[in-house]
Amino acid sequence: MSERYEIPIQRDLAEELFAFWKEIFGSEDPDIPIGVFLGDEVDDNRLITYLERDGDTLAGTCGITISKAESRLAGFGEVATLPEYRGRGIATRLCGQAVEEFVEQGGEAVFLGTGNPEAARIYHRLGWRRIAGSNVWANVTTGDSPEEYLADYYRTPGNVSIVPGDASLRVPMIPLLLTPHDWQVLDGNLPVPMLSIRYAVQSSCMGLCRKYYDLVKHEGTAWFAARTDDGRIVGISTAKMIDSNSCAVDGFIHARHGDSYDALIGAAIEWGRFDGASLVTSRLSVEDEDKQAAFESLGFRKGDVDGSFELEDREVEAVAMTLD
């Protein structure tokens, strides 16, 4: 018998779910923390969890997170079944219910990440398709391929505003980071640099937001987004204080909205200046010449080689950029 719960949920149910997922997935921290299930992001996202029980035994789950700012998009997670209950169609039923409700509400694309070949075969039979350059799958309700959908999604122009990063970006950042950008290193400020899927396989889906949260959980950090009037996220930048006098900035933007890049990076620079930085720096791939030119247009000077970035098949040198 299936059950449906929308956040916020009771703590005892949340703790039961997290114990179940730990049993299935191991000790790795979940992409979505327990606070989200208790209501921390209720103003920004809808998170709906579907369960199936056999008597008192929790047998299977799946969850869908729908952006309130961009309700065309959703992300899947927590698709799990106890080993002894696999092969009974539990995941298929729960995922089908979640997608059906999403489509009825006008949803267009659901994303999920999996590196499990057996799970991937099931998703493919259910209409999901893998996005090239990633281990992320998309269920596009319009019938388009994921690549066609992503191209059309960003084709429409729109007025862009620069906004502080927050939980409202959790889902809308997914299509942006699954677009094959020309720049290799999208953001070298993150604990693990964000790379374009044109040059490295992206394995995360709902964990993408966590990569930014892992940066800004430390003091002296901030992130910003370029957002269109209709809720699309077209760029992200970050700022990180290196010491009391210097701040590192980085970021990227969709090619169709490149005219907003100066403002996006400018927000990170301004934040660093306000926090006391007299020197602003960045580390860019030596092969990302267009990105270097964009920084130089903002007044940055190119310096010496500063370490390297590890792409999927090779390392590329990093060049230091400075703005006094």
C-alpha atoms as a PDB file:
ATOM      1  CA  MET A   1       0.000   0.000   0.000  1.00  0.00           C
ATOM      2  CA  SER A   2       1.495   3.341  -1.034  1.00  0.00           C
ATOM      3  CA  GLU A   3       1.645   6.445   1.126  1.00  0.00           C
ATOM      4  CA  ARG A   4       2.313  10.038   0.072  1.00  0.00           C
ATOM      5  CA  TYR A   5       3.863  12.757   2.235  1.00  0.00           C
ATOM      6  CA  GLU A   6       4.696  16.363   1.361  1.00  0.00           C
ATOM      7  CA  ILE A   7       7.106  18.478   3.411  1.00  0.00           C
ATOM      8  CA  PRO A   8       7.144  19.356   6.168  1.00  0.00           C
ATOM      9  CA  ILE A   9       6.811  15.864   7.652  1.00  0.00           C
ATOM     10  CA  GLN A  10       6.975  14.710  11.258  1.00  0.00           C
ATOM     11  CA  ARG A  11      10.417  14.119  12.719  1.00  0.00           C
ATOM     12  CA  ASP A  12       9.731  10.474  13.595  1.00  0.00           C
ATOM     13  CA  LEU A  13       8.863   9.732   9.955  1.00  0.00           C
ATOM     14  CA  ALA A  14      11.936  11.637   8.753  1.00  0.00           C
ATOM     15  CA  GLU A  15      14.158   9.643  11.096  1.00  0.00           C
ATOM     16  CA  GLU A  16      12.573   6.385   9.902  1.00  0.00           C
ATOM     17  CA  LEU A  17      13.260   7.366   6.298  1.00  0.00           C
ATOM     18  CA  PHE A  18      16.866   8.358   6.937  1.00  0.00           C
ATOM     19  CA  ALA A  19      17.525   5.101   8.794  1.00  0.00           C
ATOM     20  CA  PHE A  20      16.025   3.217   5.827  1.00  0.00           C
ATOM     21  CA  TRP A  21      18.177   5.104   3.292  1.00  0.00           C
ATOM     22  CA  LYS A  22      21.293   4.554   5.371  1.00  0.00           C
ATOM     23  CA  GLU A  23      20.564   0.822   5.333  1.00  0.00           C
ATOM     24  CA  ILE A  24      20.139   0.873   1.541  1.00  0.00           C
ATOM     25  CA  PHE A  25      22.802   3.361   0.479  1.00  0.00           C
ATOM     26  CA  GLY A  26      25.354   2.986   3.280  1.00  0.00           C
ATOM     27  CA  SER A  27      26.816   5.691   5.486  1.00  0.00           C
ATOM     28  CA  GLU A  28      27.171   8.381   2.805  1.00  0.00           C
ATOM     29  CA  ASP A  29      25.383  11.605   3.713  1.00  0.00           C
ATOM     30  CA  PRO A  30      22.217  12.161   1.662  1.00  0.00           C
ATOM     31  CA  ASP A  31      22.109  14.869  -0.984  1.00  0.00           C
ATOM     32  CA  ILE A  32      19.105  16.414   0.751  1.00  0.00           C
ATOM     33  CA  PRO A  33      19.584  16.896   4.526  1.00  0.00           C
ATOM     34  CA  ILE A  34      16.952  15.986   7.076  1.00  0.00           C
ATOM     35  CA  GLY A  35      16.163  19.633   7.739  1.00  0.00           C
ATOM     36  CA  VAL A  36      14.659  19.930   4.266  1.00  0.00           C
ATOM     37  CA  PHE A  37      12.178  17.166   5.100  1.00  0.00           C
ATOM     38  CA  LEU A  38      11.302  19.007   8.299  1.00  0.00           C
ATOM     39  CA  GLY A  39      10.485  22.181   6.380  1.00  0.00           C
ATOM     40  CA  ASP A  40      13.694  24.206   6.012  1.00  0.00           C
ATOM     41  CA  GLU A  41      13.019  24.815   2.309  1.00  0.00           C
ATOM     42  CA  VAL A  42       9.238  24.809   2.316  1.00  0.00           C
ATOM     43  CA  ASP A  43       9.131  28.334   0.854  1.00  0.00           C
ATOM     44  CA  ASP A  44      11.348  27.359  -2.088  1.00  0.00           C
ATOM     45  CA  ASN A  45      10.598  23.757  -3.007  1.00  0.00           C
ATOM     46  CA  ARG A  46       7.941  21.085  -2.832  1.00  0.00           C
ATOM     47  CA  LEU A  47       9.389  17.758  -1.726  1.00  0.00           C
ATOM     48  CA  ILE A  48       7.024  14.803  -1.941  1.00  0.00           C
ATOM     49  CA  THR A  49       7.985  11.356  -0.690  1.00  0.00           C
ATOM     50  CA  TYR A  50       6.158   8.195  -1.776  1.00  0.00           C
ATOM     51  CA  LEU A  51       6.374   5.027   0.350  1.00  0.00           C
ATOM     52  CA  GLU A  52       5.239   1.450   0.090  1.00  0.00           C
ATOM     53  CA  ARG A  53       4.926  -0.733   3.177  1.00  0.00           C
ATOM     54  CA  ASP A  54       4.391  -4.403   3.755  1.00  0.00           C
ATOM     55  CA  GLY A  55       2.594  -4.339   7.061  1.00  0.00           C
ATOM     56  CA  ASP A  56       4.957  -2.513   9.408  1.00  0.00           C
ATOM     57  CA  THR A  57       7.946  -2.938   7.085  1.00  0.00           C
ATOM     58  CA  LEU A  58       9.013   0.012   4.965  1.00  0.00           C
ATOM     59  CA  ALA A  59       9.762  -1.699   1.652  1.00  0.00           C
ATOM     60  CA  GLY A  60      10.431   1.098  -0.834  1.00  0.00           C
ATOM     61  CA  THR A  61      10.563   4.833  -1.368  1.00  0.00           C
ATOM     62  CA  CYS A  62      11.025   7.536  -3.953  1.00  0.00           C
ATOM     63  CA  GLY A  63      11.047  11.301  -3.664  1.00  0.00           C
ATOM     64  CA  ILE A  64      10.491  14.194  -6.042  1.00  0.00           C
ATOM     65  CA  THR A  65      11.542  17.796  -5.481  1.00  0.00           C
ATOM     66  CA  ILE A  66       9.687  20.429  -7.492  1.00  0.00           C
ATOM     67  CA  SER A  67      10.912  24.002  -7.708  1.00  0.00           C
ATOM     68  CA  LYS A  68       8.296  26.556  -6.675  1.00  0.00           C
ATOM     69  CA  ALA A  69      10.048  29.257  -8.713  1.00  0.00           C
ATOM     70  CA  GLU A  70      10.333  27.037 -11.819  1.00  0.00           C
ATOM     71  CA  SER A  71       7.577  24.441 -11.561  1.00  0.00           C
ATOM     72  CA  ARG A  72       8.381  22.968 -14.993  1.00  0.00           C
ATOM     73  CA  LEU A  73      11.365  21.189 -13.428  1.00  0.00           C
ATOM     74  CA  ALA A  74      11.790  18.487 -10.800  1.00  0.00           C
ATOM     75  CA  GLY A  75      14.515  16.245  -9.438  1.00  0.00           C
ATOM     76  CA  PHE A  76      14.205  12.636  -8.314  1.00  0.00           C
ATOM     77  CA  GLY A  77      15.957  11.082  -5.347  1.00  0.00           C
ATOM     78  CA  GLU A  78      15.732   8.486  -2.592  1.00  0.00           C
ATOM     79  CA  VAL A  79      14.601   5.744  -4.993  1.00  0.00           C
ATOM     80  CA  ALA A  80      15.231   2.716  -2.797  1.00  0.00           C
ATOM     81  CA  THR A  81      13.852  -0.782  -2.199  1.00  0.00           C
ATOM     82  CA  LEU A  82      14.808  -3.310   0.441  1.00  0.00           C
ATOM     83  CA  PRO A  83      16.777  -6.148  -1.189  1.00  0.00           C
ATOM     84  CA  GLU A  84      14.224  -8.792  -0.237  1.00  0.00           C
ATOM     85  CA  TYR A  85      11.441  -6.774  -1.917  1.00  0.00           C
ATOM     86  CA  ARG A  86      13.188  -6.094  -5.218  1.00  0.00           C
ATOM     87  CA  GLY A  87      11.680  -7.447  -8.402  1.00  0.00           C
ATOM     88  CA  ARG A  88       8.127  -6.748  -7.253  1.00  0.00           C
ATOM     89  CA  GLY A  89       7.697  -3.474  -9.149  1.00  0.00           C
ATOM     90  CA  ILE A  90       7.712  -1.254  -6.070  1.00  0.00           C
ATOM     91  CA  ALA A  91      10.090   1.363  -7.498  1.00  0.00           C
ATOM     92  CA  THR A  92       8.250   1.320 -10.825  1.00  0.00           C
ATOM     93  CA  ARG A  93       4.906   1.993  -9.141  1.00  0.00           C
ATOM     94  CA  LEU A  94       6.183   4.748  -6.865  1.00  0.00           C
ATOM     95  CA  CYS A  95       8.177   6.502  -9.592  1.00  0.00           C
ATOM     96  CA  GLY A  96       5.235   6.220 -11.963  1.00  0.00           C
ATOM     97  CA  GLN A  97       2.902   7.814  -9.422  1.00  0.00           C
ATOM     98  CA  ALA A  98       5.334  10.663  -8.808  1.00  0.00           C
ATOM     99  CA  VAL A  99       5.874  11.409 -12.511  1.00  0.00           C
ATOM    100  CA  GLU A 100       2.148  11.129 -13.298  1.00  0.00           C
ATOM    101  CA  GLU A 101       1.262  13.712 -10.642  1.00  0.00           C
ATOM    102  CA  PHE A 102       4.064  15.998 -11.821  1.00  0.00           C
ATOM    103  CA  VAL A 103       2.830  15.876 -15.426  1.00  0.00           C
ATOM    104  CA  GLU A 104      -0.761  16.529 -14.361  1.00  0.00           C
ATOM    105  CA  GLN A 105       0.481  19.729 -12.686  1.00  0.00           C
ATOM    106  CA  GLY A 106       2.192  20.957 -15.859  1.00  0.00           C
ATOM    107  CA  GLY A 107       5.680  19.565 -15.248  1.00  0.00           C
ATOM    108  CA  GLU A 108       7.993  19.186 -18.226  1.00  0.00           C
ATOM    109  CA  ALA A 109      11.227  17.499 -17.149  1.00  0.00           C
ATOM    110  CA  VAL A 110      12.306  15.303 -14.238  1.00  0.00           C
ATOM    111  CA  PHE A 111      15.996  14.595 -13.604  1.00  0.00           C
ATOM    112  CA  LEU A 112      17.679  11.821 -11.639  1.00  0.00           C
ATOM    113  CA  GLY A 113      21.204  10.510 -11.260  1.00  0.00           C
ATOM    114  CA  THR A 114      22.205   6.852 -11.268  1.00  0.00           C
ATOM    115  CA  GLY A 115      25.323   4.902 -12.052  1.00  0.00           C
ATOM    116  CA  ASN A 116      23.585   1.565 -11.478  1.00  0.00           C
ATOM    117  CA  PRO A 117      23.235  -0.292 -14.815  1.00  0.00           C
ATOM    118  CA  GLU A 118      20.295  -2.384 -13.596  1.00  0.00           C
ATOM    119  CA  ALA A 119      18.420   0.714 -12.410  1.00  0.00           C
ATOM    120  CA  ALA A 120      19.296   2.495 -15.648  1.00  0.00           C
ATOM    121  CA  ARG A 121      17.654  -0.286 -17.699  1.00  0.00           C
ATOM    122  CA  ILE A 122      14.474   0.092 -15.665  1.00  0.00           C
ATOM    123  CA  TYR A 123      14.425   3.853 -16.098  1.00  0.00           C
ATOM    124  CA  HIS A 124      14.983   3.495 -19.837  1.00  0.00           C
ATOM    125  CA  ARG A 125      11.967   1.185 -20.113  1.00  0.00           C
ATOM    126  CA  LEU A 126       9.943   3.827 -18.252  1.00  0.00           C
ATOM    127  CA  GLY A 127      10.859   6.528 -20.763  1.00  0.00           C
ATOM    128  CA  TRP A 128      13.919   8.092 -19.136  1.00  0.00           C
ATOM    129  CA  ARG A 129      16.931   8.909 -21.301  1.00  0.00           C
ATOM    130  CA  ARG A 130      20.532   9.502 -20.261  1.00  0.00           C
ATOM    131  CA  ILE A 131      21.953  12.968 -20.860  1.00  0.00           C
ATOM    132  CA  ALA A 132      25.179  12.717 -22.840  1.00  0.00           C
ATOM    133  CA  GLY A 133      28.282  13.474 -20.784  1.00  0.00           C
ATOM    134  CA  SER A 134      26.648  12.534 -17.498  1.00  0.00           C
ATOM    135  CA  ASN A 135      25.141   9.781 -15.386  1.00  0.00           C
ATOM    136  CA  VAL A 136      21.966  11.843 -15.135  1.00  0.00           C
ATOM    137  CA  TRP A 137      18.719  10.752 -16.758  1.00  0.00           C
ATOM    138  CA  ALA A 138      15.777  12.886 -17.795  1.00  0.00           C
ATOM    139  CA  ASN A 139      12.107  12.098 -18.274  1.00  0.00           C
ATOM    140  CA  VAL A 140      10.941  14.816 -20.685  1.00  0.00           C
ATOM    141  CA  THR A 141       7.159  14.896 -20.814  1.00  0.00           C
ATOM    142  CA  THR A 142       7.066  16.746 -24.170  1.00  0.00           C
ATOM    143  CA  GLY A 143       8.563  13.724 -25.925  1.00  0.00           C
ATOM    144  CA  ASP A 144      11.771  15.551 -26.885  1.00  0.00           C
ATOM    145  CA  SER A 145      15.189  14.112 -26.194  1.00  0.00           C
ATOM    146  CA  PRO A 146      16.948  15.623 -23.157  1.00  0.00           C
ATOM    147  CA  GLU A 147      19.369  17.450 -25.465  1.00  0.00           C
ATOM    148  CA  GLU A 148      16.526  18.943 -27.523  1.00  0.00           C
ATOM    149  CA  TYR A 149      14.709  19.994 -24.377  1.00  0.00           C
ATOM    150  CA  LEU A 150      17.775  21.668 -22.850  1.00  0.00           C
ATOM    151  CA  ALA A 151      18.499  23.539 -26.080  1.00  0.00           C
ATOM    152  CA  ASP A 152      14.910  24.815 -26.313  1.00  0.00           C
ATOM    153  CA  TYR A 153      14.755  25.600 -22.609  1.00  0.00           C
ATOM    154  CA  TYR A 154      17.510  28.197 -22.943  1.00  0.00           C
ATOM    155  CA  ARG A 155      16.572  29.419 -26.406  1.00  0.00           C
ATOM    156  CA  THR A 156      14.040  31.980 -25.201  1.00  0.00           C
ATOM    157  CA  PRO A 157      15.572  35.334 -24.221  1.00  0.00           C
ATOM    158  CA  GLY A 158      14.552  37.073 -21.020  1.00  0.00           C
ATOM    159  CA  ASN A 159      15.479  39.808 -18.611  1.00  0.00           C
ATOM    160  CA  VAL A 160      18.172  38.636 -16.184  1.00  0.00           C
ATOM    161  CA  SER A 161      18.590  39.628 -12.542  1.00  0.00           C
ATOM    162  CA  ILE A 162      21.491  38.742 -10.250  1.00  0.00           C
ATOM    163  CA  VAL A 163      20.253  37.200  -7.003  1.00  0.00           C
ATOM    164  CA  PRO A 164      21.937  35.676  -3.923  1.00  0.00           C
ATOM    165  CA  GLY A 165      22.232  31.906  -3.997  1.00  0.00           C
ATOM    166  CA  ASP A 166      19.675  30.043  -1.885  1.00  0.00           C
ATOM    167  CA  ALA A 167      17.529  26.917  -1.764  1.00  0.00           C
ATOM    168  CA  SER A 168      15.359  28.091  -4.657  1.00  0.00           C
ATOM    169  CA  LEU A 169      18.244  27.147  -6.986  1.00  0.00           C
ATOM    170  CA  ARG A 170      18.299  23.470  -5.935  1.00  0.00           C
ATOM    171  CA  VAL A 171      16.335  22.211  -8.944  1.00  0.00           C
ATOM    172  CA  PRO A 172      16.717  24.983 -11.587  1.00  0.00           C
ATOM    173  CA  MET A 173      20.514  24.674 -11.494  1.00  0.00           C
ATOM    174  CA  ILE A 174      20.311  21.070 -12.744  1.00  0.00           C
ATOM    175  CA  PRO A 175      19.640  21.797 -16.452  1.00  0.00           C
ATOM    176  CA  LEU A 176      22.255  24.570 -16.418  1.00  0.00           C
ATOM    177  CA  LEU A 177      24.970  22.230 -15.146  1.00  0.00           C
ATOM    178  CA  LEU A 178      23.902  19.486 -17.562  1.00  0.00           C
ATOM    179  CA  THR A 179      24.340  21.772 -20.558  1.00  0.00           C
ATOM    180  CA  PRO A 180      27.623  21.226 -22.481  1.00  0.00           C
ATOM    181  CA  HIS A 181      29.349  24.571 -21.939  1.00  0.00           C
ATOM    182  CA  ASP A 182      32.411  25.457 -24.000  1.00  0.00           C
ATOM    183  CA  TRP A 183      34.467  26.485 -20.961  1.00  0.00           C
ATOM    184  CA  GLN A 184      36.184  23.514 -19.341  1.00  0.00           C
ATOM    185  CA  VAL A 185      36.312  24.732 -15.735  1.00  0.00           C
ATOM    186  CA  LEU A 186      33.026  26.368 -14.832  1.00  0.00           C
ATOM    187  CA  ASP A 187      33.946  27.183 -11.239  1.00  0.00           C
ATOM    188  CA  GLY A 188      37.278  26.431  -9.608  1.00  0.00           C
ATOM    189  CA  ASN A 189      36.207  27.907  -6.265  1.00  0.00           C
ATOM    190  CA  LEU A 190      34.196  24.844  -5.245  1.00  0.00           C
ATOM    191  CA  PRO A 191      35.778  22.151  -3.022  1.00  0.00           C
ATOM    192  CA  VAL A 192      35.713  19.970  -6.155  1.00  0.00           C
ATOM    193  CA  PRO A 193      35.866  22.222  -9.256  1.00  0.00           C
ATOM    194  CA  MET A 194      32.732  22.258 -11.392  1.00  0.00           C
ATOM    195  CA  LEU A 195      33.545  21.076 -14.922  1.00  0.00           C
ATOM    196  CA  SER A 196      31.533  21.191 -18.133  1.00  0.00           C
ATOM    197  CA  ILE A 197      30.012  17.900 -19.242  1.00  0.00           C
ATOM    198  CA  ARG A 198      31.709  18.538 -22.563  1.00  0.00           C
ATOM    199  CA  TYR A 199      34.992  17.613 -20.837  1.00  0.00           C
ATOM    200  CA  ALA A 200      34.082  15.427 -17.850  1.00  0.00           C
ATOM    201  CA  VAL A 201      31.212  13.147 -16.845  1.00  0.00           C
ATOM    202  CA  GLN A 202      28.793  14.723 -14.380  1.00  0.00           C
ATOM    203  CA  SER A 203      27.512  12.121 -11.916  1.00  0.00           C
ATOM    204  CA  SER A 204      25.476  14.383  -9.639  1.00  0.00           C
ATOM    205  CA  CYS A 205      21.880  15.472 -10.001  1.00  0.00           C
ATOM    206  CA  MET A 206      20.187  16.396  -6.736  1.00  0.00           C
ATOM    207  CA  GLY A 207      23.693  16.554  -5.266  1.00  0.00           C
ATOM    208  CA  LEU A 208      24.647  19.523  -7.463  1.00  0.00           C
ATOM    209  CA  CYS A 209      23.238  22.046  -5.010  1.00  0.00           C
ATOM    210  CA  ARG A 210      25.134  20.345  -2.228  1.00  0.00           C
ATOM    211  CA  LYS A 211      28.400  21.181  -3.991  1.00  0.00           C
ATOM    212  CA  TYR A 212      27.611  24.858  -3.516  1.00  0.00           C
ATOM    213  CA  TYR A 213      26.307  24.324   0.003  1.00  0.00           C
ATOM    214  CA  ASP A 214      29.637  22.649   0.856  1.00  0.00           C
ATOM    215  CA  LEU A 215      31.340  25.901  -0.146  1.00  0.00           C
ATOM    216  CA  VAL A 216      29.080  28.405   1.574  1.00  0.00           C
ATOM    217  CA  LYS A 217      28.758  26.485   4.846  1.00  0.00           C
ATOM    218  CA  HIS A 218      32.115  28.095   5.680  1.00  0.00           C
ATOM    219  CA  GLU A 219      32.385  31.729   6.767  1.00  0.00           C
ATOM    220  CA  GLY A 220      33.672  34.174   4.215  1.00  0.00           C
ATOM    221  CA  THR A 221      31.889  32.629   1.223  1.00  0.00           C
ATOM    222  CA  ALA A 222      28.933  33.554  -0.973  1.00  0.00           C
ATOM    223  CA  TRP A 223      27.254  32.562  -4.210  1.00  0.00           C
ATOM    224  CA  PHE A 224      25.039  34.313  -6.732  1.00  0.00           C
ATOM    225  CA  ALA A 225      22.820  33.352  -9.649  1.00  0.00           C
ATOM    226  CA  ALA A 226      21.719  34.964 -12.886  1.00  0.00           C
ATOM    227  CA  ARG A 227      17.977  34.338 -13.076  1.00  0.00           C
ATOM    228  CA  THR A 228      15.518  35.202 -15.829  1.00  0.00           C
ATOM    229  CA  ASP A 229      12.093  36.662 -15.143  1.00  0.00           C
ATOM    230  CA  ASP A 230      10.490  33.265 -15.812  1.00  0.00           C
ATOM    231  CA  GLY A 231      12.644  31.458 -13.226  1.00  0.00           C
ATOM    232  CA  ARG A 232      15.412  29.931 -15.345  1.00  0.00           C
ATOM    233  CA  ILE A 233      18.901  29.899 -13.816  1.00  0.00           C
ATOM    234  CA  VAL A 234      21.373  30.873 -16.543  1.00  0.00           C
ATOM    235  CA  GLY A 235      24.570  31.407 -14.547  1.00  0.00           C
ATOM    236  CA  ILE A 236      26.206  30.974 -11.141  1.00  0.00           C
ATOM    237  CA  SER A 237      29.160  32.737  -9.507  1.00  0.00           C
ATOM    238  CA  THR A 238      30.975  32.264  -6.199  1.00  0.00           C
ATOM    239  CA  ALA A 239      33.185  34.315  -3.896  1.00  0.00           C
ATOM    240  CA  LYS A 240      35.561  32.985  -1.248  1.00  0.00           C
ATOM    241  CA  MET A 241      37.732  35.017   1.106  1.00  0.00           C
ATOM    242  CA  ILE A 242      41.284  33.648   1.004  1.00  0.00           C
ATOM    243  CA  ASP A 243      42.476  35.875   3.839  1.00  0.00           C
ATOM    244  CA  SER A 244      41.483  39.225   5.279  1.00  0.00           C
ATOM    245  CA  ASN A 245      42.738  41.104   2.210  1.00  0.00           C
ATOM    246  CA  SER A 246      41.998  38.841  -0.771  1.00  0.00           C
ATOM    247  CA  CYS A 247      38.955  37.154  -2.293  1.00  0.00           C
ATOM    248  CA  ALA A 248      38.756  34.479  -5.001  1.00  0.00           C
ATOM    249  CA  VAL A 249      35.867  34.674  -7.483  1.00  0.00           C
ATOM    250  CA  ASP A 250      34.707  32.441 -10.312  1.00  0.00           C
ATOM    251  CA  GLY A 251      31.586  31.498 -12.212  1.00  0.00           C
ATOM    252  CA  PHE A 252      29.998  30.744 -15.567  1.00  0.00           C
ATOM    253  CA  ILE A 253      26.944  31.577 -17.625  1.00  0.00           C
ATOM    254  CA  HIS A 254      24.958  30.035 -20.467  1.00  0.00           C
ATOM    255  CA  ALA A 255      26.273  31.212 -23.830  1.00  0.00           C
ATOM    256  CA  ARG A 256      22.886  32.651 -24.819  1.00  0.00           C
ATOM    257  CA  HIS A 257      22.984  34.980 -21.818  1.00  0.00           C
ATOM    258  CA  GLY A 258      26.636  35.979 -21.981  1.00  0.00           C
ATOM    259  CA  ASP A 259      25.781  39.678 -21.843  1.00  0.00           C
ATOM    260  CA  SER A 260      24.933  39.204 -18.147  1.00  0.00           C
ATOM    261  CA  TYR A 261      28.296  37.658 -17.245  1.00  0.00           C
ATOM    262  CA  ASP A 262      29.926  40.920 -16.163  1.00  0.00           C
ATOM    263  CA  ALA A 263      27.091  41.586 -13.710  1.00  0.00           C
ATOM    264  CA  LEU A 264      27.233  38.004 -12.393  1.00  0.00           C
ATOM    265  CA  ILE A 265      30.976  38.086 -11.690  1.00  0.00           C
ATOM    266  CA  GLY A 266      30.620  41.704 -10.597  1.00  0.00           C
ATOM    267  CA  ALA A 267      28.284  40.620  -7.790  1.00  0.00           C
ATOM    268  CA  ALA A 268      30.962  38.245  -6.469  1.00  0.00           C
ATOM    269  CA  ILE A 269      33.636  40.953  -6.743  1.00  0.00           C
ATOM    270  CA  GLU A 270      31.442  43.500  -4.986  1.00  0.00           C
ATOM    271  CA  TRP A 271      30.756  41.031  -2.167  1.00  0.00           C
ATOM    272  CA  GLY A 272      34.488  40.474  -1.700  1.00  0.00           C
ATOM    273  CA  ARG A 273      35.211  44.192  -1.709  1.00  0.00           C
ATOM    274  CA  PHE A 274      32.495  44.771   0.886  1.00  0.00           C
ATOM    275  CA  ASP A 275      34.055  42.038   3.020  1.00  0.00           C
ATOM    276  CA  GLY A 276      37.359  43.909   2.986  1.00  0.00           C
ATOM    277  CA  ALA A 277      39.244  42.415   0.039  1.00  0.00           C
ATOM    278  CA  SER A 278      41.709  44.788  -1.618  1.00  0.00           C
ATOM    279  CA  LEU A 279      42.806  42.036  -4.028  1.00  0.00           C
ATOM    280  CA  VAL A 280      40.450  39.846  -6.072  1.00  0.00           C
ATOM    281  CA  THR A 281      41.813  36.694  -7.722  1.00  0.00           C
ATOM    282  CA  SER A 282      40.722  33.761  -9.853  1.00  0.00           C
ATOM    283  CA  ARG A 283      42.253  30.564 -11.255  1.00  0.00           C
ATOM    284  CA  LEU A 284      41.202  29.699 -14.796  1.00  0.00           C
ATOM    285  CA  SER A 285      42.118  26.903 -17.168  1.00  0.00           C
ATOM    286  CA  VAL A 286      44.880  28.015 -19.547  1.00  0.00           C
ATOM    287  CA  GLU A 287      42.780  26.512 -22.346  1.00  0.00           C
ATOM    288  CA  ASP A 288      39.659  28.566 -21.473  1.00  0.00           C
ATOM    289  CA  GLU A 289      40.894  31.557 -23.450  1.00  0.00           C
ATOM    290  CA  ASP A 290      37.420  33.070 -23.889  1.00  0.00           C
ATOM    291  CA  LYS A 291      36.903  33.006 -20.145  1.00  0.00           C
ATOM    292  CA  GLN A 292      40.284  34.634 -19.583  1.00  0.00           C
ATOM    293  CA  ALA A 293      39.265  37.364 -22.025  1.00  0.00           C
ATOM    294  CA  ALA A 294      36.008  37.900 -20.119  1.00  0.00           C
ATOM    295  CA  PHE A 295      37.974  38.392 -16.891  1.00  0.00           C
ATOM    296  CA  GLU A 296      40.457  40.696 -18.597  1.00  0.00           C
ATOM    297  CA  SER A 297      37.544  42.850 -19.797  1.00  0.00           C
ATOM    298  CA  LEU A 298      36.690  43.325 -16.101  1.00  0.00           C
ATOM    299  CA  GLY A 299      40.210  44.558 -15.362  1.00  0.00           C
ATOM    300  CA  PHE A 300      41.899  41.313 -14.323  1.00  0.00           C
ATOM    301  CA  ARG A 301      45.549  40.778 -15.230  1.00  0.00           C
ATOM    302  CA  LYS A 302      46.865  37.385 -16.329  1.00  0.00           C
ATOM    303  CA  GLY A 303      49.674  36.052 -14.156  1.00  0.00           C
ATOM    304  CA  ASP A 304      51.724  32.901 -13.804  1.00  0.00           C
ATOM    305  CA  VAL A 305      50.678  29.270 -13.931  1.00  0.00           C
ATOM    306  CA  ASP A 306      49.037  28.349 -10.596  1.00  0.00           C
ATOM    307  CA  GLY A 307      48.688  24.577 -10.280  1.00  0.00           C
ATOM    308  CA  SER A 308      46.322  22.600 -12.466  1.00  0.00           C
ATOM    309  CA  PHE A 309      42.796  21.267 -12.895  1.00  0.00           C
ATOM    310  CA  GLU A 310      42.079  17.575 -13.369  1.00  0.00           C
ATOM    311  CA  LEU A 311      39.760  16.830 -16.244  1.00  0.00           C
ATOM    312  CA  GLU A 312      38.473  13.356 -16.982  1.00  0.00           C
ATOM    313  CA  ASP A 313      41.350  12.287 -19.212  1.00  0.00           C
ATOM    314  CA  ARG A 314      44.128  14.771 -18.426  1.00  0.00           C
ATOM    315  CA  GLU A 315      45.307  17.692 -16.358  1.00  0.00           C
ATOM    316  CA  VAL A 316      45.295  21.271 -17.599  1.00  0.00           C
ATOM    317  CA  GLU A 317      47.318  24.096 -16.122  1.00  0.00           C
ATOM    318  CA  ALA A 318      45.623  26.884 -14.205  1.00  0.00           C
ATOM    319  CA  VAL A 319      46.507  30.506 -14.815  1.00  0.00           C
ATOM    320  CA  ALA A 320      46.268  33.106 -12.042  1.00  0.00           C
ATOM    321  CA  MET A 321      44.165  36.213 -12.664  1.00  0.00           C
ATOM    322  CA  THR A 322      44.298  39.256 -10.375  1.00  0.00           C
ATOM    323  CA  LEU A 323      42.258  42.426  -9.956  1.00  0.00           C
ATOM    324  CA  ASP A 324      43.779  45.091  -7.696  1.00  0.00           C
END
